[in-house]
PDB file of all heavy atoms in Angstrom:
ATOM      1  N   MET A   1     154.008 163.575 114.038  1.00  0.00           N
ATOM      2  CA  MET A   1     153.454 164.794 113.470  1.00  0.00           C
ATOM      3  C   MET A   1     154.339 165.986 113.851  1.00  0.00           C
ATOM      4  O   MET A   1     154.773 166.118 114.993  1.00  0.00           O
ATOM      5  CB  MET A   1     152.038 165.004 114.009  1.00  0.00           C
ATOM      6  CG  MET A   1     151.372 166.231 113.452  1.00  0.00           C
ATOM      7  SD  MET A   1     149.637 166.253 113.925  1.00  0.00           S
ATOM      8  CE  MET A   1     149.543 167.868 114.601  1.00  0.00           C
ATOM      9  N   LEU A   2     154.600 166.809 112.863  1.00  0.00           N
ATOM     10  CA  LEU A   2     155.436 167.986 113.086  1.00  0.00           C
ATOM     11  C   LEU A   2     154.689 169.015 113.910  1.00  0.00           C
ATOM     12  O   LEU A   2     153.544 169.348 113.625  1.00  0.00           O
ATOM     13  CB  LEU A   2     155.841 168.607 111.747  1.00  0.00           C
ATOM     14  CG  LEU A   2     156.582 169.930 111.845  1.00  0.00           C
ATOM     15  CD1 LEU A   2     157.945 169.714 112.476  1.00  0.00           C
ATOM     16  CD2 LEU A   2     156.707 170.554 110.482  1.00  0.00           C
ATOM     17  N   ARG A   3     155.357 169.483 114.920  1.00  0.00           N
ATOM     18  CA  ARG A   3     154.794 170.561 115.719  1.00  0.00           C
ATOM     19  C   ARG A   3     155.735 171.739 115.637  1.00  0.00           C
ATOM     20  O   ARG A   3     156.914 171.630 115.998  1.00  0.00           O
ATOM     21  CB  ARG A   3     154.607 170.108 117.158  1.00  0.00           C
ATOM     22  CG  ARG A   3     153.512 169.054 117.261  1.00  0.00           C
ATOM     23  CD  ARG A   3     153.153 168.644 118.660  1.00  0.00           C
ATOM     24  NE  ARG A   3     153.418 169.659 119.657  1.00  0.00           N
ATOM     25  CZ  ARG A   3     153.839 169.396 120.887  1.00  0.00           C
ATOM     26  NH1 ARG A   3     154.037 168.153 121.254  1.00  0.00           N
ATOM     27  NH2 ARG A   3     154.048 170.360 121.759  1.00  0.00           N
ATOM     28  N   LEU A   4     155.237 172.855 115.145  1.00  0.00           N
ATOM     29  CA  LEU A   4     156.055 174.051 115.031  1.00  0.00           C
ATOM     30  C   LEU A   4     156.570 174.492 116.389  1.00  0.00           C
ATOM     31  O   LEU A   4     157.631 175.113 116.482  1.00  0.00           O
ATOM     32  CB  LEU A   4     155.283 175.172 114.348  1.00  0.00           C
ATOM     33  CG  LEU A   4     154.966 174.933 112.872  1.00  0.00           C
ATOM     34  CD1 LEU A   4     154.177 176.101 112.307  1.00  0.00           C
ATOM     35  CD2 LEU A   4     156.229 174.703 112.075  1.00  0.00           C
ATOM     36  N   SER A   5     155.841 174.144 117.431  1.00  0.00           N
ATOM     37  CA  SER A   5     156.300 174.511 118.767  1.00  0.00           C
ATOM     38  C   SER A   5     157.631 173.832 119.102  1.00  0.00           C
ATOM     39  O   SER A   5     158.455 174.405 119.814  1.00  0.00           O
ATOM     40  CB  SER A   5     155.246 174.181 119.818  1.00  0.00           C
ATOM     41  OG  SER A   5     155.027 172.794 119.894  1.00  0.00           O
ATOM     42  N   GLN A   6     157.860 172.620 118.570  1.00  0.00           N
ATOM     43  CA  GLN A   6     159.139 171.951 118.796  1.00  0.00           C
ATOM     44  C   GLN A   6     160.283 172.748 118.174  1.00  0.00           C
ATOM     45  O   GLN A   6     161.351 172.891 118.766  1.00  0.00           O
ATOM     46  CB  GLN A   6     159.131 170.546 118.190  1.00  0.00           C
ATOM     47  CG  GLN A   6     158.227 169.571 118.901  1.00  0.00           C
ATOM     48  CD  GLN A   6     158.147 168.276 118.130  1.00  0.00           C
ATOM     49  OE1 GLN A   6     157.778 168.251 116.960  1.00  0.00           O
ATOM     50  NE2 GLN A   6     158.503 167.190 118.799  1.00  0.00           N
ATOM     51  N   ILE A   7     160.054 173.247 116.980  1.00  0.00           N
ATOM     52  CA  ILE A   7     161.074 174.033 116.288  1.00  0.00           C
ATOM     53  C   ILE A   7     161.306 175.340 117.037  1.00  0.00           C
ATOM     54  O   ILE A   7     162.450 175.753 117.245  1.00  0.00           O
ATOM     55  CB  ILE A   7     160.671 174.270 114.822  1.00  0.00           C
ATOM     56  CG1 ILE A   7     160.653 172.927 114.085  1.00  0.00           C
ATOM     57  CG2 ILE A   7     161.604 175.268 114.145  1.00  0.00           C
ATOM     58  CD1 ILE A   7     160.046 172.969 112.711  1.00  0.00           C
ATOM     59  N   TRP A   8     160.226 175.988 117.452  1.00  0.00           N
ATOM     60  CA  TRP A   8     160.354 177.236 118.197  1.00  0.00           C
ATOM     61  C   TRP A   8     161.117 177.010 119.501  1.00  0.00           C
ATOM     62  O   TRP A   8     162.001 177.792 119.868  1.00  0.00           O
ATOM     63  CB  TRP A   8     158.980 177.849 118.462  1.00  0.00           C
ATOM     64  CG  TRP A   8     159.045 179.089 119.299  1.00  0.00           C
ATOM     65  CD1 TRP A   8     158.639 179.234 120.589  1.00  0.00           C
ATOM     66  CD2 TRP A   8     159.588 180.354 118.915  1.00  0.00           C
ATOM     67  NE1 TRP A   8     158.885 180.509 121.025  1.00  0.00           N
ATOM     68  CE2 TRP A   8     159.468 181.221 120.011  1.00  0.00           C
ATOM     69  CE3 TRP A   8     160.165 180.843 117.739  1.00  0.00           C
ATOM     70  CZ2 TRP A   8     159.906 182.538 119.987  1.00  0.00           C
ATOM     71  CZ3 TRP A   8     160.595 182.164 117.710  1.00  0.00           C
ATOM     72  CH2 TRP A   8     160.457 182.999 118.824  1.00  0.00           C
ATOM     73  N   GLN A   9     160.792 175.941 120.207  1.00  0.00           N
ATOM     74  CA  GLN A   9     161.486 175.643 121.465  1.00  0.00           C
ATOM     75  C   GLN A   9     162.969 175.368 121.220  1.00  0.00           C
ATOM     76  O   GLN A   9     163.822 175.788 122.007  1.00  0.00           O
ATOM     77  CB  GLN A   9     160.816 174.465 122.174  1.00  0.00           C
ATOM     78  CG  GLN A   9     159.454 174.805 122.728  1.00  0.00           C
ATOM     79  CD  GLN A   9     158.657 173.574 123.118  1.00  0.00           C
ATOM     80  OE1 GLN A   9     159.139 172.448 123.020  1.00  0.00           O
ATOM     81  NE2 GLN A   9     157.423 173.792 123.551  1.00  0.00           N
ATOM     82  N   SER A  10     163.280 174.683 120.133  1.00  0.00           N
ATOM     83  CA  SER A  10     164.670 174.430 119.781  1.00  0.00           C
ATOM     84  C   SER A  10     165.394 175.741 119.496  1.00  0.00           C
ATOM     85  O   SER A  10     166.523 175.959 119.957  1.00  0.00           O
ATOM     86  CB  SER A  10     164.742 173.505 118.562  1.00  0.00           C
ATOM     87  OG  SER A  10     166.067 173.303 118.158  1.00  0.00           O
ATOM     88  N   TRP A  11     164.748 176.622 118.744  1.00  0.00           N
ATOM     89  CA  TRP A  11     165.318 177.945 118.451  1.00  0.00           C
ATOM     90  C   TRP A  11     165.626 178.691 119.746  1.00  0.00           C
ATOM     91  O   TRP A  11     166.685 179.260 119.911  1.00  0.00           O
ATOM     92  CB  TRP A  11     164.357 178.731 117.571  1.00  0.00           C
ATOM     93  CG  TRP A  11     164.669 180.188 117.465  1.00  0.00           C
ATOM     94  CD1 TRP A  11     164.019 181.211 118.071  1.00  0.00           C
ATOM     95  CD2 TRP A  11     165.738 180.793 116.720  1.00  0.00           C
ATOM     96  NE1 TRP A  11     164.607 182.411 117.743  1.00  0.00           N
ATOM     97  CE2 TRP A  11     165.654 182.182 116.912  1.00  0.00           C
ATOM     98  CE3 TRP A  11     166.752 180.282 115.906  1.00  0.00           C
ATOM     99  CZ2 TRP A  11     166.555 183.073 116.331  1.00  0.00           C
ATOM    100  CZ3 TRP A  11     167.639 181.182 115.323  1.00  0.00           C
ATOM    101  CH2 TRP A  11     167.535 182.560 115.536  1.00  0.00           C
ATOM    102  N   ARG A  12     164.681 178.670 120.675  1.00  0.00           N
ATOM    103  CA  ARG A  12     164.836 179.406 121.938  1.00  0.00           C
ATOM    104  C   ARG A  12     165.934 178.803 122.834  1.00  0.00           C
ATOM    105  O   ARG A  12     166.436 179.477 123.719  1.00  0.00           O
ATOM    106  CB  ARG A  12     163.506 179.455 122.691  1.00  0.00           C
ATOM    107  CG  ARG A  12     162.408 180.223 121.964  1.00  0.00           C
ATOM    108  CD  ARG A  12     162.696 181.691 121.836  1.00  0.00           C
ATOM    109  NE  ARG A  12     162.759 182.241 123.181  1.00  0.00           N
ATOM    110  CZ  ARG A  12     163.440 183.317 123.518  1.00  0.00           C
ATOM    111  NH1 ARG A  12     164.134 183.972 122.631  1.00  0.00           N
ATOM    112  NH2 ARG A  12     163.446 183.744 124.755  1.00  0.00           N
ATOM    113  N   ARG A  13     166.279 177.533 122.610  1.00  0.00           N
ATOM    114  CA  ARG A  13     167.349 176.910 123.393  1.00  0.00           C
ATOM    115  C   ARG A  13     168.742 177.254 122.859  1.00  0.00           C
ATOM    116  O   ARG A  13     169.740 176.984 123.525  1.00  0.00           O
ATOM    117  CB  ARG A  13     167.170 175.385 123.431  1.00  0.00           C
ATOM    118  CG  ARG A  13     166.053 174.935 124.372  1.00  0.00           C
ATOM    119  CD  ARG A  13     166.057 173.429 124.584  1.00  0.00           C
ATOM    120  NE  ARG A  13     165.795 172.664 123.373  1.00  0.00           N
ATOM    121  CZ  ARG A  13     164.584 172.310 122.948  1.00  0.00           C
ATOM    122  NH1 ARG A  13     163.508 172.641 123.642  1.00  0.00           N
ATOM    123  NH2 ARG A  13     164.451 171.603 121.849  1.00  0.00           N
ATOM    124  N   LEU A  14     168.806 177.830 121.673  1.00  0.00           N
ATOM    125  CA  LEU A  14     170.106 178.250 121.151  1.00  0.00           C
ATOM    126  C   LEU A  14     170.657 179.378 122.028  1.00  0.00           C
ATOM    127  O   LEU A  14     169.886 180.153 122.592  1.00  0.00           O
ATOM    128  CB  LEU A  14     169.968 178.745 119.709  1.00  0.00           C
ATOM    129  CG  LEU A  14     169.627 177.703 118.650  1.00  0.00           C
ATOM    130  CD1 LEU A  14     169.306 178.383 117.326  1.00  0.00           C
ATOM    131  CD2 LEU A  14     170.749 176.698 118.489  1.00  0.00           C
ATOM    132  N   PRO A  15     171.972 179.498 122.106  1.00  0.00           N
ATOM    133  CA  PRO A  15     172.534 180.628 122.851  1.00  0.00           C
ATOM    134  C   PRO A  15     172.069 181.955 122.255  1.00  0.00           C
ATOM    135  O   PRO A  15     171.887 182.067 121.041  1.00  0.00           O
ATOM    136  CB  PRO A  15     174.043 180.446 122.682  1.00  0.00           C
ATOM    137  CG  PRO A  15     174.231 179.008 122.340  1.00  0.00           C
ATOM    138  CD  PRO A  15     172.996 178.598 121.594  1.00  0.00           C
ATOM    139  N   LEU A  16     171.896 182.941 123.112  1.00  0.00           N
ATOM    140  CA  LEU A  16     171.415 184.248 122.660  1.00  0.00           C
ATOM    141  C   LEU A  16     172.291 184.825 121.557  1.00  0.00           C
ATOM    142  O   LEU A  16     171.786 185.362 120.576  1.00  0.00           O
ATOM    143  CB  LEU A  16     171.331 185.217 123.840  1.00  0.00           C
ATOM    144  CG  LEU A  16     170.840 186.631 123.510  1.00  0.00           C
ATOM    145  CD1 LEU A  16     169.439 186.599 122.908  1.00  0.00           C
ATOM    146  CD2 LEU A  16     170.890 187.502 124.750  1.00  0.00           C
ATOM    147  N   TRP A  17     173.610 184.688 121.686  1.00  0.00           N
ATOM    148  CA  TRP A  17     174.494 185.254 120.669  1.00  0.00           C
ATOM    149  C   TRP A  17     174.270 184.587 119.317  1.00  0.00           C
ATOM    150  O   TRP A  17     174.402 185.240 118.279  1.00  0.00           O
ATOM    151  CB  TRP A  17     175.968 185.186 121.099  1.00  0.00           C
ATOM    152  CG  TRP A  17     176.575 183.817 121.079  1.00  0.00           C
ATOM    153  CD1 TRP A  17     176.655 182.923 122.101  1.00  0.00           C
ATOM    154  CD2 TRP A  17     177.208 183.192 119.956  1.00  0.00           C
ATOM    155  NE1 TRP A  17     177.284 181.780 121.692  1.00  0.00           N
ATOM    156  CE2 TRP A  17     177.636 181.918 120.378  1.00  0.00           C
ATOM    157  CE3 TRP A  17     177.445 183.577 118.639  1.00  0.00           C
ATOM    158  CZ2 TRP A  17     178.299 181.027 119.527  1.00  0.00           C
ATOM    159  CZ3 TRP A  17     178.100 182.688 117.788  1.00  0.00           C
ATOM    160  CH2 TRP A  17     178.522 181.433 118.240  1.00  0.00           C
ATOM    161  N   VAL A  18     173.921 183.291 119.305  1.00  0.00           N
ATOM    162  CA  VAL A  18     173.656 182.591 118.041  1.00  0.00           C
ATOM    163  C   VAL A  18     172.370 183.130 117.411  1.00  0.00           C
ATOM    164  O   VAL A  18     172.324 183.389 116.203  1.00  0.00           O
ATOM    165  CB  VAL A  18     173.563 181.064 118.249  1.00  0.00           C
ATOM    166  CG1 VAL A  18     173.111 180.357 116.975  1.00  0.00           C
ATOM    167  CG2 VAL A  18     174.902 180.510 118.724  1.00  0.00           C
ATOM    168  N   MET A  19     171.340 183.325 118.227  1.00  0.00           N
ATOM    169  CA  MET A  19     170.082 183.867 117.693  1.00  0.00           C
ATOM    170  C   MET A  19     170.311 185.254 117.103  1.00  0.00           C
ATOM    171  O   MET A  19     169.808 185.570 116.016  1.00  0.00           O
ATOM    172  CB  MET A  19     169.014 183.899 118.780  1.00  0.00           C
ATOM    173  CG  MET A  19     168.532 182.523 119.192  1.00  0.00           C
ATOM    174  SD  MET A  19     167.099 182.556 120.300  1.00  0.00           S
ATOM    175  CE  MET A  19     167.860 183.022 121.842  1.00  0.00           C
ATOM    176  N   ILE A  20     171.062 186.094 117.799  1.00  0.00           N
ATOM    177  CA  ILE A  20     171.351 187.447 117.304  1.00  0.00           C
ATOM    178  C   ILE A  20     172.164 187.366 116.022  1.00  0.00           C
ATOM    179  O   ILE A  20     171.859 188.059 115.036  1.00  0.00           O
ATOM    180  CB  ILE A  20     172.082 188.267 118.389  1.00  0.00           C
ATOM    181  CG1 ILE A  20     171.120 188.558 119.537  1.00  0.00           C
ATOM    182  CG2 ILE A  20     172.658 189.553 117.804  1.00  0.00           C
ATOM    183  CD1 ILE A  20     171.782 189.119 120.775  1.00  0.00           C
ATOM    184  N   TRP A  21     173.190 186.527 116.003  1.00  0.00           N
ATOM    185  CA  TRP A  21     174.030 186.344 114.825  1.00  0.00           C
ATOM    186  C   TRP A  21     173.183 185.944 113.612  1.00  0.00           C
ATOM    187  O   TRP A  21     173.307 186.527 112.535  1.00  0.00           O
ATOM    188  CB  TRP A  21     175.111 185.297 115.118  1.00  0.00           C
ATOM    189  CG  TRP A  21     175.847 184.776 113.927  1.00  0.00           C
ATOM    190  CD1 TRP A  21     175.656 183.592 113.288  1.00  0.00           C
ATOM    191  CD2 TRP A  21     176.916 185.427 113.221  1.00  0.00           C
ATOM    192  NE1 TRP A  21     176.530 183.464 112.246  1.00  0.00           N
ATOM    193  CE2 TRP A  21     177.311 184.578 112.184  1.00  0.00           C
ATOM    194  CE3 TRP A  21     177.567 186.652 113.391  1.00  0.00           C
ATOM    195  CZ2 TRP A  21     178.334 184.904 111.297  1.00  0.00           C
ATOM    196  CZ3 TRP A  21     178.591 186.980 112.501  1.00  0.00           C
ATOM    197  CH2 TRP A  21     178.963 186.115 111.473  1.00  0.00           C
ATOM    198  N   VAL A  22     172.307 184.968 113.790  1.00  0.00           N
ATOM    199  CA  VAL A  22     171.494 184.458 112.684  1.00  0.00           C
ATOM    200  C   VAL A  22     170.506 185.516 112.191  1.00  0.00           C
ATOM    201  O   VAL A  22     170.413 185.792 110.995  1.00  0.00           O
ATOM    202  CB  VAL A  22     170.761 183.165 113.096  1.00  0.00           C
ATOM    203  CG1 VAL A  22     169.712 182.758 112.065  1.00  0.00           C
ATOM    204  CG2 VAL A  22     171.766 182.037 113.306  1.00  0.00           C
ATOM    205  N   VAL A  23     169.769 186.122 113.117  1.00  0.00           N
ATOM    206  CA  VAL A  23     168.680 187.029 112.737  1.00  0.00           C
ATOM    207  C   VAL A  23     169.175 188.392 112.252  1.00  0.00           C
ATOM    208  O   VAL A  23     168.627 188.945 111.305  1.00  0.00           O
ATOM    209  CB  VAL A  23     167.696 187.203 113.916  1.00  0.00           C
ATOM    210  CG1 VAL A  23     166.678 188.292 113.636  1.00  0.00           C
ATOM    211  CG2 VAL A  23     166.992 185.884 114.201  1.00  0.00           C
ATOM    212  N   LEU A  24     170.199 188.910 112.889  1.00  0.00           N
ATOM    213  CA  LEU A  24     170.631 190.275 112.569  1.00  0.00           C
ATOM    214  C   LEU A  24     171.805 190.351 111.596  1.00  0.00           C
ATOM    215  O   LEU A  24     172.040 191.409 111.008  1.00  0.00           O
ATOM    216  CB  LEU A  24     170.992 191.033 113.850  1.00  0.00           C
ATOM    217  CG  LEU A  24     169.854 191.237 114.840  1.00  0.00           C
ATOM    218  CD1 LEU A  24     170.339 192.006 116.056  1.00  0.00           C
ATOM    219  CD2 LEU A  24     168.680 191.950 114.183  1.00  0.00           C
ATOM    220  N   ILE A  25     172.544 189.255 111.439  1.00  0.00           N
ATOM    221  CA  ILE A  25     173.731 189.325 110.591  1.00  0.00           C
ATOM    222  C   ILE A  25     173.704 188.279 109.477  1.00  0.00           C
ATOM    223  O   ILE A  25     173.700 188.618 108.295  1.00  0.00           O
ATOM    224  CB  ILE A  25     175.016 189.182 111.448  1.00  0.00           C
ATOM    225  CG1 ILE A  25     175.078 190.329 112.465  1.00  0.00           C
ATOM    226  CG2 ILE A  25     176.258 189.160 110.567  1.00  0.00           C
ATOM    227  CD1 ILE A  25     176.150 190.182 113.515  1.00  0.00           C
ATOM    228  N   LEU A  26     173.707 187.009 109.816  1.00  0.00           N
ATOM    229  CA  LEU A  26     173.886 185.940 108.835  1.00  0.00           C
ATOM    230  C   LEU A  26     172.796 185.911 107.766  1.00  0.00           C
ATOM    231  O   LEU A  26     173.095 185.934 106.568  1.00  0.00           O
ATOM    232  CB  LEU A  26     173.976 184.592 109.552  1.00  0.00           C
ATOM    233  CG  LEU A  26     174.426 183.417 108.704  1.00  0.00           C
ATOM    234  CD1 LEU A  26     175.864 183.611 108.246  1.00  0.00           C
ATOM    235  CD2 LEU A  26     174.302 182.124 109.500  1.00  0.00           C
ATOM    236  N   VAL A  27     171.558 185.849 108.187  1.00  0.00           N
ATOM    237  CA  VAL A  27     170.461 185.780 107.203  1.00  0.00           C
ATOM    238  C   VAL A  27     170.344 187.070 106.390  1.00  0.00           C
ATOM    239  O   VAL A  27     170.303 187.015 105.157  1.00  0.00           O
ATOM    240  CB  VAL A  27     169.127 185.404 107.892  1.00  0.00           C
ATOM    241  CG1 VAL A  27     167.957 185.568 106.939  1.00  0.00           C
ATOM    242  CG2 VAL A  27     169.190 183.967 108.421  1.00  0.00           C
ATOM    243  N   PRO A  28     170.334 188.244 107.029  1.00  0.00           N
ATOM    244  CA  PRO A  28     170.196 189.468 106.210  1.00  0.00           C
ATOM    245  C   PRO A  28     171.312 189.663 105.186  1.00  0.00           C
ATOM    246  O   PRO A  28     171.033 190.026 104.036  1.00  0.00           O
ATOM    247  CB  PRO A  28     170.198 190.595 107.243  1.00  0.00           C
ATOM    248  CG  PRO A  28     169.737 189.963 108.507  1.00  0.00           C
ATOM    249  CD  PRO A  28     170.265 188.556 108.458  1.00  0.00           C
ATOM    250  N   ILE A  29     172.560 189.418 105.555  1.00  0.00           N
ATOM    251  CA  ILE A  29     173.647 189.667 104.605  1.00  0.00           C
ATOM    252  C   ILE A  29     173.596 188.672 103.452  1.00  0.00           C
ATOM    253  O   ILE A  29     173.852 189.029 102.298  1.00  0.00           O
ATOM    254  CB  ILE A  29     175.039 189.683 105.285  1.00  0.00           C
ATOM    255  CG1 ILE A  29     176.090 190.282 104.344  1.00  0.00           C
ATOM    256  CG2 ILE A  29     175.473 188.307 105.701  1.00  0.00           C
ATOM    257  CD1 ILE A  29     175.943 191.738 104.102  1.00  0.00           C
ATOM    258  N   ASN A  30     173.234 187.435 103.727  1.00  0.00           N
ATOM    259  CA  ASN A  30     173.135 186.465 102.640  1.00  0.00           C
ATOM    260  C   ASN A  30     171.935 186.755 101.746  1.00  0.00           C
ATOM    261  O   ASN A  30     172.033 186.627 100.527  1.00  0.00           O
ATOM    262  CB  ASN A  30     173.117 185.040 103.188  1.00  0.00           C
ATOM    263  CG  ASN A  30     174.512 184.562 103.504  1.00  0.00           C
ATOM    264  OD1 ASN A  30     175.257 184.161 102.626  1.00  0.00           O
ATOM    265  ND2 ASN A  30     174.890 184.636 104.774  1.00  0.00           N
ATOM    266  N   LEU A  31     170.823 187.176 102.328  1.00  0.00           N
ATOM    267  CA  LEU A  31     169.662 187.555 101.507  1.00  0.00           C
ATOM    268  C   LEU A  31     169.934 188.818 100.693  1.00  0.00           C
ATOM    269  O   LEU A  31     169.411 188.969  99.583  1.00  0.00           O
ATOM    270  CB  LEU A  31     168.428 187.756 102.387  1.00  0.00           C
ATOM    271  CG  LEU A  31     167.751 186.502 102.911  1.00  0.00           C
ATOM    272  CD1 LEU A  31     166.575 186.877 103.814  1.00  0.00           C
ATOM    273  CD2 LEU A  31     167.286 185.608 101.775  1.00  0.00           C
ATOM    274  N   ALA A  32     170.751 189.709 101.223  1.00  0.00           N
ATOM    275  CA  ALA A  32     171.076 190.947 100.504  1.00  0.00           C
ATOM    276  C   ALA A  32     171.772 190.661  99.181  1.00  0.00           C
ATOM    277  O   ALA A  32     171.762 191.509  98.274  1.00  0.00           O
ATOM    278  CB  ALA A  32     171.933 191.854 101.375  1.00  0.00           C
ATOM    279  N   SER A  33     172.340 189.481  99.031  1.00  0.00           N
ATOM    280  CA  SER A  33     172.973 189.128  97.758  1.00  0.00           C
ATOM    281  C   SER A  33     171.976 189.189  96.604  1.00  0.00           C
ATOM    282  O   SER A  33     172.367 189.414  95.458  1.00  0.00           O
ATOM    283  CB  SER A  33     173.612 187.749  97.852  1.00  0.00           C
ATOM    284  OG  SER A  33     172.625 186.759  98.059  1.00  0.00           O
ATOM    285  N   LEU A  34     170.690 189.024  96.908  1.00  0.00           N
ATOM    286  CA  LEU A  34     169.666 189.110  95.862  1.00  0.00           C
ATOM    287  C   LEU A  34     169.587 190.504  95.240  1.00  0.00           C
ATOM    288  O   LEU A  34     169.100 190.662  94.122  1.00  0.00           O
ATOM    289  CB  LEU A  34     168.303 188.708  96.428  1.00  0.00           C
ATOM    290  CG  LEU A  34     168.180 187.248  96.865  1.00  0.00           C
ATOM    291  CD1 LEU A  34     166.888 187.029  97.642  1.00  0.00           C
ATOM    292  CD2 LEU A  34     168.263 186.317  95.661  1.00  0.00           C
ATOM    293  N   LEU A  35     170.072 191.503  95.946  1.00  0.00           N
ATOM    294  CA  LEU A  35     170.050 192.876  95.427  1.00  0.00           C
ATOM    295  C   LEU A  35     171.089 193.093  94.334  1.00  0.00           C
ATOM    296  O   LEU A  35     171.048 194.112  93.639  1.00  0.00           O
ATOM    297  CB  LEU A  35     170.294 193.871  96.565  1.00  0.00           C
ATOM    298  CG  LEU A  35     169.293 193.862  97.709  1.00  0.00           C
ATOM    299  CD1 LEU A  35     169.783 194.756  98.846  1.00  0.00           C
ATOM    300  CD2 LEU A  35     167.929 194.298  97.208  1.00  0.00           C
ATOM    301  N   PHE A  36     172.010 192.150  94.172  1.00  0.00           N
ATOM    302  CA  PHE A  36     173.138 192.339  93.264  1.00  0.00           C
ATOM    303  C   PHE A  36     173.169 191.331  92.114  1.00  0.00           C
ATOM    304  O   PHE A  36     174.216 191.135  91.501  1.00  0.00           O
ATOM    305  CB  PHE A  36     174.448 192.253  94.052  1.00  0.00           C
ATOM    306  CG  PHE A  36     174.597 193.333  95.081  1.00  0.00           C
ATOM    307  CD1 PHE A  36     174.295 193.079  96.412  1.00  0.00           C
ATOM    308  CD2 PHE A  36     175.013 194.603  94.730  1.00  0.00           C
ATOM    309  CE1 PHE A  36     174.434 194.069  97.378  1.00  0.00           C
ATOM    310  CE2 PHE A  36     175.146 195.603  95.684  1.00  0.00           C
ATOM    311  CZ  PHE A  36     174.855 195.338  97.005  1.00  0.00           C
ATOM    312  N   VAL A  37     172.042 190.735  91.783  1.00  0.00           N
ATOM    313  CA  VAL A  37     172.047 189.709  90.735  1.00  0.00           C
ATOM    314  C   VAL A  37     172.457 190.261  89.370  1.00  0.00           C
ATOM    315  O   VAL A  37     172.934 189.512  88.517  1.00  0.00           O
ATOM    316  CB  VAL A  37     170.700 188.954  90.648  1.00  0.00           C
ATOM    317  CG1 VAL A  37     170.454 188.131  91.896  1.00  0.00           C
ATOM    318  CG2 VAL A  37     169.562 189.894  90.352  1.00  0.00           C
ATOM    319  N   ALA A  38     172.296 191.554  89.136  1.00  0.00           N
ATOM    320  CA  ALA A  38     172.672 192.145  87.848  1.00  0.00           C
ATOM    321  C   ALA A  38     174.171 192.421  87.744  1.00  0.00           C
ATOM    322  O   ALA A  38     174.670 192.746  86.670  1.00  0.00           O
ATOM    323  CB  ALA A  38     171.892 193.433  87.613  1.00  0.00           C
ATOM    324  N   GLN A  39     174.891 192.262  88.844  1.00  0.00           N
ATOM    325  CA  GLN A  39     176.336 192.510  88.851  1.00  0.00           C
ATOM    326  C   GLN A  39     177.093 191.296  88.305  1.00  0.00           C
ATOM    327  O   GLN A  39     176.562 190.181  88.296  1.00  0.00           O
ATOM    328  CB  GLN A  39     176.803 192.787  90.286  1.00  0.00           C
ATOM    329  CG  GLN A  39     176.248 194.041  90.894  1.00  0.00           C
ATOM    330  CD  GLN A  39     176.795 195.284  90.215  1.00  0.00           C
ATOM    331  OE1 GLN A  39     177.971 195.372  89.906  1.00  0.00           O
ATOM    332  NE2 GLN A  39     175.921 196.243  89.975  1.00  0.00           N
ATOM    333  N   PRO A  40     178.335 191.493  87.865  1.00  0.00           N
ATOM    334  CA  PRO A  40     179.136 190.329  87.459  1.00  0.00           C
ATOM    335  C   PRO A  40     179.225 189.336  88.622  1.00  0.00           C
ATOM    336  O   PRO A  40     179.445 189.742  89.766  1.00  0.00           O
ATOM    337  CB  PRO A  40     180.521 190.933  87.164  1.00  0.00           C
ATOM    338  CG  PRO A  40     180.259 192.385  86.886  1.00  0.00           C
ATOM    339  CD  PRO A  40     179.064 192.761  87.719  1.00  0.00           C
ATOM    340  N   PHE A  41     179.006 188.091  88.334  1.00  0.00           N
ATOM    341  CA  PHE A  41     178.991 187.006  89.326  1.00  0.00           C
ATOM    342  C   PHE A  41     177.789 187.080  90.266  1.00  0.00           C
ATOM    343  O   PHE A  41     177.642 186.227  91.138  1.00  0.00           O
ATOM    344  CB  PHE A  41     180.277 186.979  90.185  1.00  0.00           C
ATOM    345  CG  PHE A  41     181.548 186.992  89.416  1.00  0.00           C
ATOM    346  CD1 PHE A  41     182.292 188.155  89.299  1.00  0.00           C
ATOM    347  CD2 PHE A  41     182.012 185.842  88.795  1.00  0.00           C
ATOM    348  CE1 PHE A  41     183.471 188.180  88.582  1.00  0.00           C
ATOM    349  CE2 PHE A  41     183.193 185.850  88.081  1.00  0.00           C
ATOM    350  CZ  PHE A  41     183.930 187.026  87.972  1.00  0.00           C
TER     351      PHE A  41
END
């Protein structure tokens, strides 16, 4: 059975710089691409 706590614990075991990179840079910049769907490409 899936336990979300396992996923959370795995997330917390990542290095701090990886968590910061993912949350503050990687995910936001890739999601921001949705703001430009009307542009060429």
